Amino acid sequence: MVHTITIQTESDNDFALLKGLAERLGLTVNEAQGSKSVRDAEQKAALRKFIGSWRGEETAEELEAMIYNARSDRSRDVEL
């Protein structure tokens, strides 16, 4: 069974100490570096890549009403 622990350090000395300890214990060490703001920016860029926009004459409230009015809330017979 594999267990994973993520430890975030701001000090290179602390990181080296923890990494050295893990290696002395014979544990596999996978190192990833990067600031949180860089990862956040990458996530936002990926999100922008997949989202779209809607241009129309309707207001947000009108679109919401159209969606709610188009719903069908009747019961259905479902066999599983």
Protein backbone atom coordinates (compact mmCIF):
# COMPACT_ATOMS: atom_id res chain seq x y z
CA MET A 1 0.00 0.00 0.00
CA VAL A 2 1.30 3.44 -0.91
CA HIS A 3 0.75 6.43 1.33
CA THR A 4 1.43 9.98 0.18
CA ILE A 5 2.17 13.01 2.33
CA THR A 6 2.41 16.52 0.94
CA ILE A 7 4.63 18.80 2.97
CA GLN A 8 4.95 22.45 2.02
CA THR A 9 8.05 24.25 3.25
CA GLU A 10 9.17 27.81 2.76
CA SER A 11 12.74 27.10 3.83
CA ASP A 12 15.22 25.26 1.63
CA ASN A 13 16.95 24.00 4.78
CA ASP A 14 13.73 22.49 6.16
CA PHE A 15 13.02 20.86 2.81
CA ALA A 16 16.52 19.39 2.59
CA LEU A 17 16.23 18.03 6.14
CA LEU A 18 12.89 16.34 5.48
CA LYS A 19 13.98 15.00 2.09
CA GLY A 20 17.21 13.63 3.58
CA LEU A 21 15.30 11.93 6.39
CA ALA A 22 12.91 10.28 3.94
CA GLU A 23 15.81 9.06 1.81
CA ARG A 24 17.65 7.69 4.87
CA LEU A 25 14.50 5.75 5.75
CA GLY A 26 14.55 4.25 2.26
CA LEU A 27 11.35 5.99 1.17
CA THR A 28 10.66 7.07 -2.39
CA VAL A 29 10.85 10.85 -2.72
CA ASN A 30 9.00 12.70 -5.50
CA GLU A 31 9.88 16.36 -5.51
CA ALA A 32 7.68 19.12 -6.93
CA GLN A 33 8.47 22.78 -6.62
CA GLY A 34 6.43 25.81 -7.48
CA SER A 35 4.66 28.62 -5.81
CA LYS A 36 0.97 28.47 -5.08
CA SER A 37 0.35 31.56 -7.18
CA VAL A 38 1.91 29.83 -10.20
CA ARG A 39 -0.34 26.78 -9.73
CA ASP A 40 -3.37 29.04 -9.24
CA ALA A 41 -2.54 30.91 -12.45
CA GLU A 42 -2.18 27.62 -14.34
CA GLN A 43 -5.54 26.42 -13.04
CA LYS A 44 -7.24 29.68 -14.01
CA ALA A 45 -5.72 29.50 -17.50
CA ALA A 46 -6.97 25.92 -17.91
CA LEU A 47 -10.44 26.96 -16.76
CA ARG A 48 -10.54 29.85 -19.24
CA LYS A 49 -9.57 27.42 -21.99
CA PHE A 50 -12.69 25.31 -21.40
CA ILE A 51 -15.36 27.86 -20.47
CA GLY A 52 -17.38 29.87 -22.92
CA SER A 53 -19.68 32.81 -23.01
CA TRP A 54 -23.22 33.49 -24.14
CA ARG A 55 -24.21 36.47 -26.20
CA GLY A 56 -27.91 37.09 -26.53
CA GLU A 57 -30.68 39.56 -26.05
CA GLU A 58 -31.99 37.87 -22.90
CA THR A 59 -31.01 39.02 -19.44
CA ALA A 60 -29.66 36.55 -16.91
CA GLU A 61 -33.03 36.54 -15.16
CA GLU A 62 -34.85 35.80 -18.43
CA LEU A 63 -32.48 32.93 -19.22
CA GLU A 64 -32.98 31.54 -15.72
CA ALA A 65 -36.76 31.69 -16.15
CA MET A 66 -36.51 29.94 -19.53
CA ILE A 67 -34.48 27.11 -18.00
CA TYR A 68 -36.84 26.66 -15.05
CA ASN A 69 -39.92 26.77 -17.28
CA ALA A 70 -38.44 24.16 -19.63
CA ARG A 71 -37.98 21.64 -16.81
CA SER A 72 -40.15 18.59 -16.65
CA ASP A 73 -40.77 17.61 -13.04
CA ARG A 74 -43.18 14.74 -13.61
CA SER A 75 -42.40 11.35 -12.13
CA ARG A 76 -40.98 8.63 -14.36
CA ASP A 77 -41.01 4.87 -14.13
CA VAL A 78 -37.41 3.72 -14.03
CA GLU A 79 -36.27 0.10 -14.05
CA LEU A 80 -32.86 -0.70 -12.65
